[in-house]
Amino acid sequence: MKQKHTHRPLNSRQKRFLDHFHETGNAGQSWIEAGYKSSYTVACSAASRFLQREDAQEYLKGLQGADRDKSGLSRQHLIRRLENILDSEDARDIDVISACREIGRMIGAYESDQPANPPTETLSQFMDSQAFGPDC
């Protein structure tokens, strides 16, 4: 049985990182801005690991909830607005395509119940299986 990791409460630097990440979406730069001393590459890696923690996810959900409360926007409101764009005769094609894509993402249309198919052969196996002439 896998043991669940328990973490100490988030410290001020971790919260600063999460606050900055929430605003910018840039994990590596947010890591550095929070006061962690590292190269950008190392910062990206460390931030990625940290963002997988349950307590970090919960903190981000709280920030997102606060944003939702401030804006008054709900998921249904956003979908209705996107539907208005789809139905508008004045909408540009790019706007309609973007609205379709966003609605699809919001309703989970792109999530597959099927696991991704792993590659069945390597490039060298593929090349070996092909009938090439003697000059190849």
Protein backbone atom coordinates (compact mmCIF):
# COMPACT_ATOMS: atom_id res chain seq x y z
CA MET A 1 0.00 0.00 0.00
CA LYS A 2 1.30 3.43 -0.99
CA GLN A 3 1.99 5.70 1.96
CA LYS A 4 0.51 9.18 1.74
CA HIS A 5 3.02 11.98 2.21
CA THR A 6 2.23 14.51 4.87
CA HIS A 7 3.67 17.99 4.51
CA ARG A 8 4.10 20.81 6.94
CA PRO A 9 1.77 23.75 6.33
CA LEU A 10 2.75 25.97 3.40
CA ASN A 11 5.34 28.54 4.38
CA SER A 12 5.33 32.17 3.23
CA ARG A 13 7.74 31.55 0.34
CA GLN A 14 5.62 28.67 -0.98
CA LYS A 15 2.50 30.84 -0.75
CA ARG A 16 4.33 33.68 -2.52
CA PHE A 17 5.21 31.23 -5.31
CA LEU A 18 1.62 30.03 -5.59
CA ASP A 19 0.26 33.59 -5.57
CA HIS A 20 2.65 34.62 -8.34
CA PHE A 21 2.00 31.43 -10.32
CA HIS A 22 -1.75 32.01 -10.03
CA GLU A 23 -1.31 35.49 -11.52
CA THR A 24 1.15 34.64 -14.30
CA GLY A 25 0.90 30.92 -15.03
CA ASN A 26 4.70 30.83 -15.37
CA ALA A 27 5.96 28.24 -12.88
CA GLY A 28 9.70 28.75 -13.38
CA GLN A 29 9.67 32.53 -13.14
CA SER A 30 7.23 32.41 -10.21
CA TRP A 31 9.61 30.06 -8.37
CA ILE A 32 12.46 32.53 -8.79
CA GLU A 33 10.27 35.56 -7.95
CA ALA A 34 9.23 33.84 -4.71
CA GLY A 35 12.86 33.91 -3.60
CA TYR A 36 14.19 30.49 -4.55
CA LYS A 37 17.75 30.76 -5.83
CA SER A 38 18.14 28.58 -8.92
CA SER A 39 18.48 28.64 -12.67
CA TYR A 40 15.31 28.89 -14.70
CA THR A 41 15.55 25.23 -15.75
CA VAL A 42 15.93 24.02 -12.17
CA ALA A 43 13.16 26.39 -11.08
CA CYS A 44 10.78 24.91 -13.68
CA SER A 45 11.51 21.40 -12.49
CA ALA A 46 11.19 22.21 -8.78
CA ALA A 47 8.00 24.22 -9.34
CA SER A 48 6.47 21.39 -11.34
CA ARG A 49 7.12 18.93 -8.51
CA PHE A 50 5.76 21.34 -5.93
CA LEU A 51 2.60 22.01 -7.93
CA GLN A 52 1.75 18.30 -7.75
CA ARG A 53 1.40 18.46 -3.97
CA GLU A 54 -2.16 18.26 -2.65
CA ASP A 55 -1.70 21.24 -0.34
CA ALA A 56 -0.44 23.38 -3.23
CA GLN A 57 -3.43 22.32 -5.35
CA GLU A 58 -5.82 23.17 -2.52
CA TYR A 59 -4.25 26.60 -2.07
CA LEU A 60 -4.58 27.29 -5.80
CA LYS A 61 -8.22 26.16 -5.75
CA GLY A 62 -8.81 28.66 -2.96
CA LEU A 63 -7.26 31.45 -5.04
CA GLN A 64 -9.38 30.47 -8.04
CA GLY A 65 -12.50 30.38 -5.89
CA ALA A 66 -11.74 33.86 -4.57
CA ASP A 67 -11.34 35.10 -8.16
CA ARG A 68 -14.66 33.52 -9.10
CA ASP A 69 -16.36 35.14 -6.13
CA LYS A 70 -14.92 38.58 -7.00
CA SER A 71 -15.84 38.38 -10.67
CA GLY A 72 -19.29 36.89 -10.19
CA LEU A 73 -18.65 34.64 -13.18
CA SER A 74 -19.84 31.08 -13.10
CA ARG A 75 -19.11 28.20 -15.40
CA GLN A 76 -22.65 28.40 -16.78
CA HIS A 77 -22.29 32.14 -17.42
CA LEU A 78 -19.09 31.58 -19.36
CA ILE A 79 -20.63 28.80 -21.43
CA ARG A 80 -23.69 30.97 -22.21
CA ARG A 81 -21.40 33.80 -23.32
CA LEU A 82 -19.44 31.45 -25.57
CA GLU A 83 -22.71 30.12 -26.99
CA ASN A 84 -23.69 33.72 -27.83
CA ILE A 85 -20.48 34.05 -29.81
CA LEU A 86 -21.27 30.81 -31.66
CA ASP A 87 -24.78 32.02 -32.54
CA SER A 88 -23.76 35.53 -33.56
CA GLU A 89 -23.97 36.31 -37.26
CA ASP A 90 -21.26 38.95 -36.80
CA ALA A 91 -18.73 36.58 -35.21
CA ARG A 92 -15.51 36.02 -37.13
CA ASP A 93 -14.55 32.43 -37.94
CA ILE A 94 -11.61 32.58 -35.53
CA ASP A 95 -13.95 33.67 -32.72
CA VAL A 96 -16.35 30.81 -33.44
CA ILE A 97 -13.51 28.29 -33.57
CA SER A 98 -12.05 29.61 -30.30
CA ALA A 99 -15.48 29.51 -28.62
CA CYS A 100 -16.04 25.92 -29.81
CA ARG A 101 -12.62 24.89 -28.54
CA GLU A 102 -13.15 26.51 -25.15
CA ILE A 103 -16.63 25.06 -24.66
CA GLY A 104 -15.27 21.64 -25.60
CA ARG A 105 -12.48 22.00 -23.05
CA MET A 106 -14.90 23.16 -20.35
CA ILE A 107 -17.29 20.26 -20.84
CA GLY A 108 -14.51 17.67 -21.08
CA ALA A 109 -15.02 16.82 -24.74
CA TYR A 110 -11.29 16.29 -25.26
CA GLU A 111 -10.77 13.90 -22.36
CA SER A 112 -10.59 10.34 -23.54
CA ASP A 113 -11.79 7.35 -21.56
CA GLN A 114 -9.38 5.26 -23.59
CA PRO A 115 -5.73 5.12 -22.54
CA ALA A 116 -3.33 6.53 -25.09
CA ASN A 117 -2.07 3.89 -27.49
CA PRO A 118 1.61 3.25 -26.86
CA PRO A 119 3.81 3.08 -29.95
CA THR A 120 3.86 -0.45 -31.28
CA GLU A 121 7.33 -0.30 -32.75
CA THR A 122 10.43 1.80 -32.72
CA LEU A 123 11.72 3.60 -35.80
CA SER A 124 14.39 0.94 -36.35
CA GLN A 125 11.75 -1.81 -36.09
CA PHE A 126 9.63 0.06 -38.60
CA MET A 127 12.56 0.51 -40.98
CA ASP A 128 13.46 -3.18 -40.67
CA SER A 129 9.89 -4.16 -41.50
CA GLN A 130 9.82 -2.15 -44.74
CA ALA A 131 10.83 -3.70 -48.04
CA PHE A 132 13.65 -1.49 -49.28
CA GLY A 133 15.71 -2.27 -52.35
CA PRO A 134 19.36 -3.29 -52.18
CA ASP A 135 20.54 0.32 -52.64
CA CYS A 136 18.96 1.53 -49.40
